[in-house]
Amino acid sequence: MSRRGLLWCGLVFTFTLLMELPATWVARGVGLSARGVSGSLWQGKAQQLGPVGPVRWALQPWRMQADARLGFQGQSWQLRTEGWPWRWQLEATALAAQATALTEYRLAGQWHGALRMQGSGRQCRSSEGRVSVNDLALSEPWSLGLGQGWVEMDCRNGWRLRGQLAQPGQHELRLEADLLARKARVAFNLQNEAALTPLLRSAQWLGPQVLAGQREVRW
């Protein structure tokens, strides 16, 4: 067998071996807290991976396609990508309500819609769609109405995420995030006696007698 043939066989063997790695090994390798993990990197499921769960995934590299369904904050979401890395498409769709993994806080509210993106390599070249919610609220560790909100992607200048959350007579918050730079700017405008005011002041986002401002967050 030629050297090229041996190299190809070696690549196929290595790739197949990686795909058959137990999913529990992968979860530990990336440092995620995991529970109820089974299957392989190729196809598997978990009751919880970090803050999300349940999770199911399936990879079809010969089709350059991957599908995942995950639960987060009381709702199911579907993620699908294909064509990576040359001409890829990515879609995230809000599905029905679902029992999900417990976290330190709990949000209530039904999201609707989908986000669609197209690109190549690390570049996102176009985006469309929006996911929105009409009655978002914090239900644990305490109860707090958050109002109407939406989130959308903007690929004109990189991976930009934009969003808004507003409740008439209470507050309006706007989000501008640069996902590749791992930073975001949150601008807020509060009304007198807004329920969010004590929380933002305790987090030192607001000074005394101040009802508007902005904050940069990095992760």
N, C-alpha and C. Protein backbone atom coordinates (compact mmCIF):
# COMPACT_ATOMS: atom_id res chain seq x y z
N MET A 1 0.84 -1.20 0.00
CA MET A 1 0.00 0.00 0.00
C MET A 1 0.88 1.25 0.00
N SER A 2 0.47 2.25 -0.75
CA SER A 2 1.25 3.48 -0.85
C SER A 2 1.22 4.26 0.47
N ARG A 3 2.15 5.20 0.58
CA ARG A 3 2.20 6.04 1.79
C ARG A 3 0.91 6.84 1.94
N ARG A 4 0.37 7.34 0.83
CA ARG A 4 -0.88 8.10 0.89
C ARG A 4 -2.02 7.21 1.37
N GLY A 5 -2.05 5.98 0.88
CA GLY A 5 -3.10 5.06 1.31
C GLY A 5 -3.01 4.74 2.79
N LEU A 6 -1.78 4.54 3.29
CA LEU A 6 -1.60 4.28 4.71
C LEU A 6 -2.04 5.48 5.55
N LEU A 7 -1.69 6.67 5.09
CA LEU A 7 -2.10 7.87 5.82
C LEU A 7 -3.61 8.00 5.87
N TRP A 8 -4.28 7.72 4.75
CA TRP A 8 -5.74 7.80 4.71
C TRP A 8 -6.37 6.78 5.65
N CYS A 9 -5.86 5.56 5.65
CA CYS A 9 -6.39 4.54 6.54
C CYS A 9 -6.19 4.94 8.00
N GLY A 10 -5.01 5.53 8.29
CA GLY A 10 -4.76 5.97 9.65
C GLY A 10 -5.70 7.07 10.09
N LEU A 11 -6.00 8.01 9.19
CA LEU A 11 -6.93 9.08 9.52
C LEU A 11 -8.33 8.54 9.77
N VAL A 12 -8.77 7.62 8.92
CA VAL A 12 -10.10 7.03 9.09
C VAL A 12 -10.19 6.28 10.41
N PHE A 13 -9.16 5.51 10.74
CA PHE A 13 -9.15 4.76 11.99
C PHE A 13 -9.19 5.70 13.19
N THR A 14 -8.35 6.74 13.15
CA THR A 14 -8.31 7.69 14.27
C THR A 14 -9.63 8.41 14.44
N PHE A 15 -10.23 8.84 13.33
CA PHE A 15 -11.51 9.55 13.40
C PHE A 15 -12.60 8.64 13.95
N THR A 16 -12.64 7.39 13.48
CA THR A 16 -13.64 6.44 13.97
C THR A 16 -13.46 6.18 15.46
N LEU A 17 -12.21 6.05 15.90
CA LEU A 17 -11.94 5.83 17.31
C LEU A 17 -12.42 7.01 18.16
N LEU A 18 -12.16 8.22 17.69
CA LEU A 18 -12.60 9.40 18.42
C LEU A 18 -14.12 9.47 18.52
N MET A 19 -14.79 9.15 17.42
CA MET A 19 -16.24 9.21 17.41
C MET A 19 -16.87 8.20 18.37
N GLU A 20 -16.16 7.08 18.60
CA GLU A 20 -16.71 6.05 19.47
C GLU A 20 -16.29 6.23 20.93
N LEU A 21 -15.60 7.31 21.24
CA LEU A 21 -15.26 7.58 22.63
C LEU A 21 -16.53 7.68 23.47
N PRO A 22 -16.55 7.08 24.66
CA PRO A 22 -17.73 7.22 25.52
C PRO A 22 -18.03 8.69 25.81
N ALA A 23 -19.30 9.04 25.80
CA ALA A 23 -19.69 10.43 26.04
C ALA A 23 -19.27 10.91 27.42
N THR A 24 -19.19 9.98 28.39
CA THR A 24 -18.77 10.37 29.74
C THR A 24 -17.33 10.89 29.73
N TRP A 25 -16.47 10.29 28.91
CA TRP A 25 -15.09 10.76 28.82
C TRP A 25 -15.03 12.17 28.25
N VAL A 26 -15.85 12.41 27.23
CA VAL A 26 -15.87 13.72 26.59
C VAL A 26 -16.33 14.79 27.57
N ALA A 27 -17.40 14.49 28.33
CA ALA A 27 -17.93 15.46 29.30
C ALA A 27 -16.88 15.81 30.35
N ARG A 28 -16.15 14.80 30.83
CA ARG A 28 -15.10 15.07 31.82
C ARG A 28 -13.96 15.86 31.20
N GLY A 29 -13.65 15.56 29.93
CA GLY A 29 -12.54 16.22 29.27
C GLY A 29 -12.74 17.71 29.10
N VAL A 30 -13.99 18.14 28.86
CA VAL A 30 -14.27 19.57 28.67
C VAL A 30 -14.65 20.26 29.97
N GLY A 31 -14.64 19.51 31.07
CA GLY A 31 -14.85 20.12 32.38
C GLY A 31 -16.29 20.45 32.72
N LEU A 32 -17.26 19.80 32.07
CA LEU A 32 -18.66 20.06 32.36
C LEU A 32 -19.14 19.16 33.49
N SER A 33 -19.93 19.74 34.41
CA SER A 33 -20.61 18.90 35.38
C SER A 33 -21.70 18.15 34.65
N ALA A 34 -21.72 16.83 34.79
CA ALA A 34 -22.62 16.01 33.98
C ALA A 34 -23.33 14.98 34.86
N ARG A 35 -24.52 14.60 34.41
CA ARG A 35 -25.30 13.59 35.12
C ARG A 35 -26.08 12.77 34.09
N GLY A 36 -26.10 11.46 34.28
CA GLY A 36 -26.88 10.58 33.41
C GLY A 36 -26.40 10.56 31.97
N VAL A 37 -25.08 10.57 31.77
CA VAL A 37 -24.52 10.60 30.41
C VAL A 37 -24.39 9.18 29.88
N SER A 38 -24.80 8.96 28.63
CA SER A 38 -24.65 7.65 27.99
C SER A 38 -24.45 7.84 26.50
N GLY A 39 -24.00 6.77 25.83
CA GLY A 39 -23.75 6.84 24.40
C GLY A 39 -22.31 7.22 24.11
N SER A 40 -22.08 7.76 22.92
CA SER A 40 -20.74 8.12 22.47
C SER A 40 -20.74 9.54 21.95
N LEU A 41 -19.56 10.00 21.54
CA LEU A 41 -19.47 11.31 20.91
C LEU A 41 -20.32 11.34 19.64
N TRP A 42 -20.45 10.20 18.99
CA TRP A 42 -21.22 10.07 17.75
C TRP A 42 -22.71 10.30 17.99
N GLN A 43 -23.23 9.66 19.03
CA GLN A 43 -24.66 9.75 19.34
C GLN A 43 -24.84 9.45 20.82
N GLY A 44 -25.50 10.34 21.53
CA GLY A 44 -25.66 10.11 22.95
C GLY A 44 -26.71 11.00 23.58
N LYS A 45 -26.79 10.91 24.90
CA LYS A 45 -27.76 11.71 25.64
C LYS A 45 -27.24 11.92 27.06
N ALA A 46 -27.81 12.90 27.74
CA ALA A 46 -27.45 13.20 29.12
C ALA A 46 -28.64 13.82 29.81
N GLN A 47 -28.80 13.49 31.09
CA GLN A 47 -29.84 14.14 31.87
C GLN A 47 -29.48 15.59 32.14
N GLN A 48 -28.17 15.86 32.28
CA GLN A 48 -27.73 17.23 32.52
C GLN A 48 -26.29 17.40 32.10
N LEU A 49 -25.99 18.51 31.40
CA LEU A 49 -24.64 18.93 31.05
C LEU A 49 -24.51 20.39 31.43
N GLY A 50 -23.80 20.67 32.51
CA GLY A 50 -23.72 22.05 32.98
C GLY A 50 -25.11 22.57 33.32
N PRO A 51 -25.50 23.73 32.80
CA PRO A 51 -26.81 24.30 33.13
C PRO A 51 -27.96 23.78 32.27
N VAL A 52 -27.68 22.92 31.28
CA VAL A 52 -28.74 22.46 30.38
C VAL A 52 -29.01 20.98 30.58
N GLY A 53 -30.20 20.56 30.19
CA GLY A 53 -30.58 19.15 30.27
C GLY A 53 -32.09 19.01 30.37
N PRO A 54 -32.61 17.91 29.80
CA PRO A 54 -31.90 16.82 29.16
C PRO A 54 -31.33 17.22 27.80
N VAL A 55 -30.34 16.44 27.33
CA VAL A 55 -29.67 16.72 26.07
C VAL A 55 -29.59 15.43 25.25
N ARG A 56 -29.87 15.55 23.96
CA ARG A 56 -29.65 14.46 23.00
C ARG A 56 -28.89 15.01 21.81
N TRP A 57 -27.95 14.25 21.26
CA TRP A 57 -27.20 14.72 20.10
C TRP A 57 -26.90 13.58 19.15
N ALA A 58 -26.68 13.93 17.91
CA ALA A 58 -26.32 12.97 16.87
C ALA A 58 -25.43 13.67 15.85
N LEU A 59 -24.29 13.07 15.54
CA LEU A 59 -23.35 13.60 14.55
C LEU A 59 -23.34 12.70 13.33
N GLN A 60 -23.39 13.31 12.14
CA GLN A 60 -23.30 12.58 10.88
C GLN A 60 -22.22 13.25 10.03
N PRO A 61 -20.95 12.97 10.33
CA PRO A 61 -19.87 13.68 9.64
C PRO A 61 -19.82 13.43 8.14
N TRP A 62 -20.27 12.25 7.68
CA TRP A 62 -20.27 12.00 6.24
C TRP A 62 -21.25 12.91 5.51
N ARG A 63 -22.24 13.44 6.25
CA ARG A 63 -23.17 14.42 5.69
C ARG A 63 -22.82 15.84 6.14
N MET A 64 -21.75 15.95 6.94
CA MET A 64 -21.37 17.24 7.54
C MET A 64 -22.57 17.86 8.26
N GLN A 65 -23.21 17.04 9.09
CA GLN A 65 -24.43 17.47 9.76
C GLN A 65 -24.40 17.05 11.23
N ALA A 66 -24.95 17.90 12.09
CA ALA A 66 -25.07 17.61 13.52
C ALA A 66 -26.40 18.14 14.02
N ASP A 67 -27.05 17.36 14.88
CA ASP A 67 -28.33 17.75 15.47
C ASP A 67 -28.26 17.58 16.97
N ALA A 68 -28.89 18.48 17.69
CA ALA A 68 -28.97 18.38 19.14
C ALA A 68 -30.30 18.95 19.61
N ARG A 69 -30.83 18.33 20.65
CA ARG A 69 -32.03 18.86 21.30
C ARG A 69 -31.71 18.97 22.79
N LEU A 70 -31.94 20.15 23.34
CA LEU A 70 -31.59 20.36 24.74
C LEU A 70 -32.68 21.13 25.47
N GLY A 71 -32.75 20.90 26.76
CA GLY A 71 -33.69 21.61 27.60
C GLY A 71 -32.97 22.67 28.42
N PHE A 72 -33.58 23.85 28.49
CA PHE A 72 -32.98 24.94 29.27
C PHE A 72 -34.09 25.82 29.81
N GLN A 73 -34.11 25.99 31.13
CA GLN A 73 -35.05 26.88 31.80
C GLN A 73 -36.50 26.61 31.37
N GLY A 74 -36.90 25.33 31.45
CA GLY A 74 -38.29 24.97 31.23
C GLY A 74 -38.73 24.89 29.79
N GLN A 75 -37.78 24.88 28.85
CA GLN A 75 -38.14 24.84 27.43
C GLN A 75 -37.16 23.99 26.65
N SER A 76 -37.68 23.36 25.58
CA SER A 76 -36.84 22.56 24.70
C SER A 76 -36.38 23.40 23.51
N TRP A 77 -35.12 23.20 23.11
CA TRP A 77 -34.53 23.90 21.97
C TRP A 77 -33.89 22.89 21.02
N GLN A 78 -33.95 23.18 19.74
CA GLN A 78 -33.31 22.32 18.75
C GLN A 78 -32.21 23.09 18.03
N LEU A 79 -31.04 22.48 17.93
CA LEU A 79 -29.90 23.05 17.21
C LEU A 79 -29.54 22.13 16.05
N ARG A 80 -29.33 22.70 14.89
CA ARG A 80 -28.95 21.91 13.71
C ARG A 80 -27.92 22.68 12.90
N THR A 81 -26.87 21.99 12.51
CA THR A 81 -25.85 22.59 11.66
C THR A 81 -25.45 21.61 10.57
N GLU A 82 -25.10 22.13 9.42
CA GLU A 82 -24.65 21.29 8.31
C GLU A 82 -23.71 22.09 7.43
N GLY A 83 -22.85 21.38 6.70
CA GLY A 83 -21.95 22.02 5.76
C GLY A 83 -20.66 22.55 6.32
N TRP A 84 -20.44 22.40 7.64
CA TRP A 84 -19.21 22.92 8.23
C TRP A 84 -18.03 22.08 7.76
N PRO A 85 -16.84 22.66 7.47
CA PRO A 85 -16.48 24.06 7.73
C PRO A 85 -16.56 24.98 6.51
N TRP A 86 -16.87 24.44 5.31
CA TRP A 86 -16.73 25.27 4.11
C TRP A 86 -17.90 26.23 3.92
N ARG A 87 -19.09 25.71 3.83
CA ARG A 87 -20.29 26.55 3.68
C ARG A 87 -21.34 26.00 4.64
N TRP A 88 -21.32 26.52 5.86
CA TRP A 88 -22.17 25.95 6.88
C TRP A 88 -23.45 26.75 7.08
N GLN A 89 -24.44 26.07 7.64
CA GLN A 89 -25.70 26.67 8.06
C GLN A 89 -25.99 26.23 9.48
N LEU A 90 -26.49 27.13 10.28
CA LEU A 90 -26.82 26.84 11.67
C LEU A 90 -28.20 27.38 11.97
N GLU A 91 -29.01 26.57 12.63
CA GLU A 91 -30.37 26.99 12.99
C GLU A 91 -30.65 26.61 14.43
N ALA A 92 -31.18 27.55 15.21
CA ALA A 92 -31.60 27.32 16.58
C ALA A 92 -33.08 27.65 16.68
N THR A 93 -33.89 26.68 17.11
CA THR A 93 -35.34 26.82 17.11
C THR A 93 -35.90 26.59 18.50
N ALA A 94 -36.78 27.48 18.95
CA ALA A 94 -37.47 27.32 20.22
C ALA A 94 -38.62 26.33 20.03
N LEU A 95 -38.69 25.32 20.91
CA LEU A 95 -39.74 24.31 20.82
C LEU A 95 -40.70 24.45 22.01
N ALA A 96 -41.30 23.35 22.42
CA ALA A 96 -42.34 23.38 23.44
C ALA A 96 -41.76 23.43 24.85
N ALA A 97 -42.64 23.67 25.82
CA ALA A 97 -42.25 23.63 27.22
C ALA A 97 -41.81 22.21 27.59
N GLN A 98 -40.87 22.11 28.53
CA GLN A 98 -40.30 20.81 28.90
C GLN A 98 -39.74 20.89 30.31
N ALA A 99 -39.84 19.79 31.05
CA ALA A 99 -39.18 19.71 32.35
C ALA A 99 -37.68 19.67 32.12
N THR A 100 -36.93 20.54 32.78
CA THR A 100 -35.49 20.66 32.53
C THR A 100 -34.70 20.58 33.83
N ALA A 101 -33.38 20.53 33.68
CA ALA A 101 -32.48 20.41 34.82
C ALA A 101 -32.64 21.61 35.76
N LEU A 102 -32.52 21.34 37.06
CA LEU A 102 -32.64 22.38 38.07
C LEU A 102 -31.36 23.21 38.14
N THR A 103 -31.52 24.52 38.30
CA THR A 103 -30.39 25.42 38.45
C THR A 103 -30.65 26.33 39.66
N GLU A 104 -29.68 27.18 39.97
CA GLU A 104 -29.83 28.06 41.13
C GLU A 104 -30.92 29.09 40.94
N TYR A 105 -31.23 29.42 39.70
CA TYR A 105 -32.32 30.35 39.42
C TYR A 105 -33.26 29.69 38.41
N ARG A 106 -34.46 30.22 38.32
CA ARG A 106 -35.45 29.62 37.42
C ARG A 106 -36.20 30.72 36.69
N LEU A 107 -36.24 30.62 35.35
CA LEU A 107 -37.00 31.54 34.53
C LEU A 107 -38.26 30.87 34.03
N ALA A 108 -39.33 31.64 33.92
CA ALA A 108 -40.59 31.15 33.37
C ALA A 108 -40.97 32.02 32.18
N GLY A 109 -41.51 31.38 31.15
CA GLY A 109 -41.89 32.11 29.94
C GLY A 109 -41.62 31.28 28.71
N GLN A 110 -42.50 31.37 27.73
CA GLN A 110 -42.39 30.56 26.52
C GLN A 110 -41.78 31.37 25.38
N TRP A 111 -40.62 30.92 24.90
CA TRP A 111 -39.97 31.56 23.76
C TRP A 111 -40.50 30.99 22.45
N HIS A 112 -40.51 31.82 21.41
CA HIS A 112 -40.98 31.41 20.09
C HIS A 112 -40.00 31.92 19.03
N GLY A 113 -39.95 31.19 17.90
CA GLY A 113 -39.16 31.67 16.77
C GLY A 113 -37.90 30.86 16.55
N ALA A 114 -37.04 31.35 15.65
CA ALA A 114 -35.81 30.66 15.29
C ALA A 114 -34.75 31.66 14.83
N LEU A 115 -33.49 31.29 15.00
CA LEU A 115 -32.35 32.05 14.49
C LEU A 115 -31.65 31.21 13.43
N ARG A 116 -31.32 31.83 12.30
CA ARG A 116 -30.64 31.11 11.21
C ARG A 116 -29.41 31.90 10.79
N MET A 117 -28.31 31.17 10.61
CA MET A 117 -27.05 31.80 10.22
C MET A 117 -26.37 30.98 9.15
N GLN A 118 -25.59 31.66 8.31
CA GLN A 118 -24.80 31.01 7.28
C GLN A 118 -23.40 31.60 7.29
N GLY A 119 -22.41 30.78 6.95
CA GLY A 119 -21.05 31.29 6.93
C GLY A 119 -20.07 30.26 6.43
N SER A 120 -18.78 30.53 6.65
CA SER A 120 -17.72 29.60 6.28
C SER A 120 -16.60 29.73 7.30
N GLY A 121 -16.05 28.59 7.73
CA GLY A 121 -15.03 28.63 8.76
C GLY A 121 -15.55 29.29 10.03
N ARG A 122 -14.81 30.28 10.54
CA ARG A 122 -15.24 31.01 11.74
C ARG A 122 -16.07 32.24 11.41
N GLN A 123 -16.30 32.49 10.14
CA GLN A 123 -17.01 33.70 9.73
C GLN A 123 -18.51 33.44 9.58
N CYS A 124 -19.30 34.30 10.19
CA CYS A 124 -20.75 34.30 9.99
C CYS A 124 -21.06 35.38 8.96
N ARG A 125 -21.61 34.99 7.81
CA ARG A 125 -21.79 35.93 6.70
C ARG A 125 -23.20 36.50 6.61
N SER A 126 -24.20 35.77 7.09
CA SER A 126 -25.57 36.28 7.03
C SER A 126 -26.38 35.67 8.16
N SER A 127 -27.41 36.37 8.57
CA SER A 127 -28.27 35.89 9.65
C SER A 127 -29.67 36.43 9.47
N GLU A 128 -30.63 35.69 10.00
CA GLU A 128 -32.02 36.13 9.95
C GLU A 128 -32.78 35.47 11.09
N GLY A 129 -33.96 35.99 11.37
CA GLY A 129 -34.81 35.41 12.39
C GLY A 129 -34.65 36.06 13.74
N ARG A 130 -35.56 35.69 14.64
CA ARG A 130 -35.58 36.25 15.99
C ARG A 130 -36.32 35.27 16.89
N VAL A 131 -35.89 35.17 18.13
CA VAL A 131 -36.66 34.46 19.14
C VAL A 131 -37.18 35.49 20.13
N SER A 132 -38.43 35.33 20.54
CA SER A 132 -39.06 36.34 21.40
C SER A 132 -39.90 35.67 22.47
N VAL A 133 -40.18 36.43 23.52
CA VAL A 133 -40.98 35.95 24.64
C VAL A 133 -41.87 37.10 25.10
N ASN A 134 -43.10 36.78 25.51
CA ASN A 134 -44.06 37.81 25.90
C ASN A 134 -44.21 37.98 27.41
N ASP A 135 -43.86 36.96 28.17
CA ASP A 135 -44.15 36.99 29.60
C ASP A 135 -43.01 36.39 30.42
N LEU A 136 -41.81 36.83 30.17
CA LEU A 136 -40.66 36.29 30.89
C LEU A 136 -40.70 36.74 32.35
N ALA A 137 -40.35 35.83 33.24
CA ALA A 137 -40.35 36.15 34.67
C ALA A 137 -39.31 35.29 35.38
N LEU A 138 -38.76 35.82 36.44
CA LEU A 138 -37.91 35.05 37.34
C LEU A 138 -38.82 34.43 38.39
N SER A 139 -38.78 33.10 38.52
CA SER A 139 -39.66 32.43 39.47
C SER A 139 -38.92 31.90 40.70
N GLU A 140 -37.62 31.68 40.60
CA GLU A 140 -36.79 31.25 41.72
C GLU A 140 -35.42 31.92 41.60
N PRO A 141 -34.79 32.34 42.71
CA PRO A 141 -35.16 32.13 44.11
C PRO A 141 -36.25 33.07 44.63
N TRP A 142 -36.68 34.03 43.82
CA TRP A 142 -37.82 34.87 44.19
C TRP A 142 -38.60 35.17 42.92
N SER A 143 -39.75 35.80 43.07
CA SER A 143 -40.62 36.08 41.93
C SER A 143 -40.42 37.51 41.45
N LEU A 144 -40.22 37.66 40.12
CA LEU A 144 -40.00 38.99 39.55
C LEU A 144 -40.39 38.97 38.08
N GLY A 145 -41.35 39.82 37.71
CA GLY A 145 -41.75 39.93 36.31
C GLY A 145 -40.71 40.68 35.50
N LEU A 146 -40.34 40.14 34.33
CA LEU A 146 -39.31 40.75 33.49
C LEU A 146 -39.87 41.32 32.19
N GLY A 147 -41.06 40.85 31.76
CA GLY A 147 -41.72 41.47 30.62
C GLY A 147 -41.47 40.79 29.29
N GLN A 148 -41.53 41.59 28.22
CA GLN A 148 -41.38 41.10 26.86
C GLN A 148 -39.93 41.23 26.41
N GLY A 149 -39.47 40.25 25.62
CA GLY A 149 -38.09 40.31 25.18
C GLY A 149 -37.88 39.65 23.84
N TRP A 150 -36.75 39.92 23.24
CA TRP A 150 -36.36 39.28 21.98
C TRP A 150 -34.85 39.22 21.88
N VAL A 151 -34.36 38.27 21.06
CA VAL A 151 -32.93 38.10 20.81
C VAL A 151 -32.75 37.81 19.33
N GLU A 152 -31.72 38.40 18.70
CA GLU A 152 -31.42 38.12 17.30
C GLU A 152 -29.92 38.21 17.07
N MET A 153 -29.46 37.58 15.98
CA MET A 153 -28.05 37.64 15.59
C MET A 153 -27.87 38.68 14.50
N ASP A 154 -26.70 39.33 14.51
CA ASP A 154 -26.33 40.28 13.47
C ASP A 154 -24.91 39.94 13.02
N CYS A 155 -24.79 39.44 11.78
CA CYS A 155 -23.49 38.98 11.28
C CYS A 155 -22.79 40.01 10.39
N ARG A 156 -23.28 41.23 10.34
CA ARG A 156 -22.66 42.22 9.46
C ARG A 156 -21.25 42.58 9.90
N ASN A 157 -20.98 42.52 11.19
CA ASN A 157 -19.65 42.84 11.72
C ASN A 157 -19.21 41.79 12.73
N GLY A 158 -19.24 40.54 12.32
CA GLY A 158 -18.83 39.47 13.22
C GLY A 158 -20.02 38.78 13.86
N TRP A 159 -19.76 38.08 14.95
CA TRP A 159 -20.80 37.35 15.68
C TRP A 159 -21.39 38.29 16.74
N ARG A 160 -22.42 39.02 16.36
CA ARG A 160 -23.04 39.99 17.27
C ARG A 160 -24.43 39.50 17.68
N LEU A 161 -24.67 39.53 18.97
CA LEU A 161 -25.97 39.14 19.51
C LEU A 161 -26.64 40.38 20.08
N ARG A 162 -27.88 40.63 19.69
CA ARG A 162 -28.63 41.79 20.17
C ARG A 162 -29.91 41.32 20.85
N GLY A 163 -30.33 42.07 21.85
CA GLY A 163 -31.55 41.71 22.54
C GLY A 163 -32.16 42.88 23.29
N GLN A 164 -33.40 42.70 23.69
CA GLN A 164 -34.11 43.72 24.46
C GLN A 164 -35.07 43.04 25.42
N LEU A 165 -35.24 43.64 26.58
CA LEU A 165 -36.18 43.16 27.58
C LEU A 165 -36.87 44.38 28.18
N ALA A 166 -38.19 44.43 28.12
CA ALA A 166 -38.91 45.62 28.57
C ALA A 166 -40.22 45.24 29.24
N GLN A 167 -40.56 46.01 30.26
CA GLN A 167 -41.86 45.89 30.92
C GLN A 167 -42.40 47.30 31.12
N PRO A 168 -43.55 47.63 30.51
CA PRO A 168 -44.08 48.99 30.59
C PRO A 168 -44.21 49.47 32.04
N GLY A 169 -43.76 50.70 32.28
CA GLY A 169 -43.85 51.27 33.61
C GLY A 169 -42.80 50.78 34.58
N GLN A 170 -41.90 49.88 34.12
CA GLN A 170 -40.89 49.30 35.00
C GLN A 170 -39.47 49.52 34.49
N HIS A 171 -39.15 48.88 33.37
CA HIS A 171 -37.76 48.91 32.92
C HIS A 171 -37.65 48.63 31.44
N GLU A 172 -36.50 48.99 30.87
CA GLU A 172 -36.12 48.62 29.51
C GLU A 172 -34.61 48.35 29.52
N LEU A 173 -34.23 47.15 29.06
CA LEU A 173 -32.84 46.75 29.00
C LEU A 173 -32.49 46.38 27.57
N ARG A 174 -31.31 46.78 27.11
CA ARG A 174 -30.83 46.44 25.77
C ARG A 174 -29.46 45.76 25.88
N LEU A 175 -29.29 44.72 25.06
CA LEU A 175 -28.06 43.94 25.07
C LEU A 175 -27.37 44.02 23.72
N GLU A 176 -26.05 44.26 23.74
CA GLU A 176 -25.19 44.21 22.55
C GLU A 176 -23.98 43.35 22.93
N ALA A 177 -23.88 42.15 22.34
CA ALA A 177 -22.81 41.22 22.71
C ALA A 177 -21.95 40.88 21.51
N ASP A 178 -20.64 40.85 21.73
CA ASP A 178 -19.67 40.38 20.74
C ASP A 178 -19.22 39.00 21.21
N LEU A 179 -19.74 37.94 20.57
CA LEU A 179 -19.51 36.60 21.06
C LEU A 179 -18.05 36.16 20.90
N LEU A 180 -17.39 36.54 19.82
CA LEU A 180 -16.00 36.15 19.63
C LEU A 180 -15.08 36.86 20.62
N ALA A 181 -15.36 38.12 20.91
CA ALA A 181 -14.56 38.88 21.87
C ALA A 181 -14.95 38.57 23.31
N ARG A 182 -16.04 37.82 23.49
CA ARG A 182 -16.52 37.41 24.81
C ARG A 182 -16.78 38.61 25.72
N LYS A 183 -17.56 39.54 25.19
CA LYS A 183 -17.94 40.70 25.99
C LYS A 183 -19.32 41.19 25.54
N ALA A 184 -19.99 41.90 26.43
CA ALA A 184 -21.32 42.42 26.13
C ALA A 184 -21.53 43.74 26.86
N ARG A 185 -22.39 44.57 26.30
CA ARG A 185 -22.77 45.83 26.93
C ARG A 185 -24.27 45.79 27.19
N VAL A 186 -24.65 46.05 28.43
CA VAL A 186 -26.05 46.08 28.83
C VAL A 186 -26.41 47.52 29.19
N ALA A 187 -27.38 48.09 28.47
CA ALA A 187 -27.87 49.44 28.76
C ALA A 187 -29.24 49.31 29.40
N PHE A 188 -29.51 50.11 30.43
CA PHE A 188 -30.78 49.99 31.14
C PHE A 188 -31.36 51.36 31.45
N ASN A 189 -32.68 51.39 31.47
CA ASN A 189 -33.44 52.60 31.78
C ASN A 189 -34.60 52.18 32.66
N LEU A 190 -34.62 52.64 33.89
CA LEU A 190 -35.63 52.22 34.87
C LEU A 190 -36.57 53.36 35.20
N GLN A 191 -37.79 52.99 35.54
CA GLN A 191 -38.78 53.95 36.02
C GLN A 191 -38.72 54.01 37.55
N ASN A 192 -39.28 55.07 38.11
CA ASN A 192 -39.36 55.17 39.56
C ASN A 192 -40.10 53.97 40.13
N GLU A 193 -39.59 53.43 41.22
CA GLU A 193 -40.18 52.28 41.91
C GLU A 193 -40.12 50.99 41.08
N ALA A 194 -39.26 50.91 40.10
CA ALA A 194 -39.11 49.67 39.32
C ALA A 194 -38.60 48.55 40.23
N ALA A 195 -39.15 47.34 40.03
CA ALA A 195 -38.77 46.21 40.87
C ALA A 195 -37.32 45.80 40.68
N LEU A 196 -36.73 46.12 39.52
CA LEU A 196 -35.33 45.76 39.26
C LEU A 196 -34.34 46.67 39.98
N THR A 197 -34.77 47.85 40.40
CA THR A 197 -33.85 48.83 40.96
C THR A 197 -33.05 48.30 42.15
N PRO A 198 -33.69 47.69 43.17
CA PRO A 198 -32.90 47.19 44.31
C PRO A 198 -31.87 46.14 43.89
N LEU A 199 -32.22 45.29 42.92
CA LEU A 199 -31.29 44.25 42.47
C LEU A 199 -30.07 44.85 41.79
N LEU A 200 -30.29 45.82 40.91
CA LEU A 200 -29.16 46.43 40.21
C LEU A 200 -28.28 47.25 41.16
N ARG A 201 -28.90 47.86 42.15
CA ARG A 201 -28.10 48.62 43.12
C ARG A 201 -27.30 47.68 44.02
N SER A 202 -27.87 46.57 44.40
CA SER A 202 -27.13 45.61 45.22
C SER A 202 -25.97 45.00 44.44
N ALA A 203 -26.12 44.90 43.11
CA ALA A 203 -25.03 44.40 42.26
C ALA A 203 -24.07 45.51 41.87
N GLN A 204 -24.30 46.73 42.37
CA GLN A 204 -23.47 47.91 42.10
C GLN A 204 -23.47 48.30 40.62
N TRP A 205 -24.59 48.04 39.96
CA TRP A 205 -24.79 48.52 38.59
C TRP A 205 -25.42 49.90 38.57
N LEU A 206 -26.05 50.28 39.68
CA LEU A 206 -26.71 51.57 39.80
C LEU A 206 -26.26 52.27 41.07
N GLY A 207 -26.03 53.56 40.96
CA GLY A 207 -25.73 54.35 42.14
C GLY A 207 -27.01 54.92 42.74
N PRO A 208 -26.92 55.54 43.90
CA PRO A 208 -28.10 56.17 44.52
C PRO A 208 -28.71 57.22 43.60
N GLN A 209 -30.01 57.23 43.51
CA GLN A 209 -30.78 58.19 42.73
C GLN A 209 -30.57 58.06 41.21
N VAL A 210 -29.84 57.07 40.76
CA VAL A 210 -29.59 56.88 39.32
C VAL A 210 -30.56 55.85 38.77
N LEU A 211 -31.18 56.15 37.62
CA LEU A 211 -32.18 55.25 37.04
C LEU A 211 -31.81 54.81 35.62
N ALA A 212 -30.66 55.20 35.13
CA ALA A 212 -30.24 54.81 33.78
C ALA A 212 -28.73 54.66 33.74
N GLY A 213 -28.26 53.81 32.83
CA GLY A 213 -26.82 53.62 32.69
C GLY A 213 -26.52 52.43 31.80
N GLN A 214 -25.26 52.02 31.79
CA GLN A 214 -24.85 50.85 31.03
C GLN A 214 -23.69 50.17 31.72
N ARG A 215 -23.52 48.90 31.40
CA ARG A 215 -22.49 48.09 32.05
C ARG A 215 -21.87 47.14 31.04
N GLU A 216 -20.55 46.97 31.11
CA GLU A 216 -19.87 46.00 30.25
C GLU A 216 -19.60 44.73 31.03
N VAL A 217 -19.88 43.60 30.40
CA VAL A 217 -19.71 42.29 31.02
C VAL A 217 -18.76 41.48 30.16
N ARG A 218 -17.81 40.78 30.78
CA ARG A 218 -16.89 39.90 30.07
C ARG A 218 -16.96 38.50 30.66
N TRP A 219 -16.67 37.51 29.82
CA TRP A 219 -16.70 36.12 30.30
C TRP A 219 -15.58 35.32 29.66
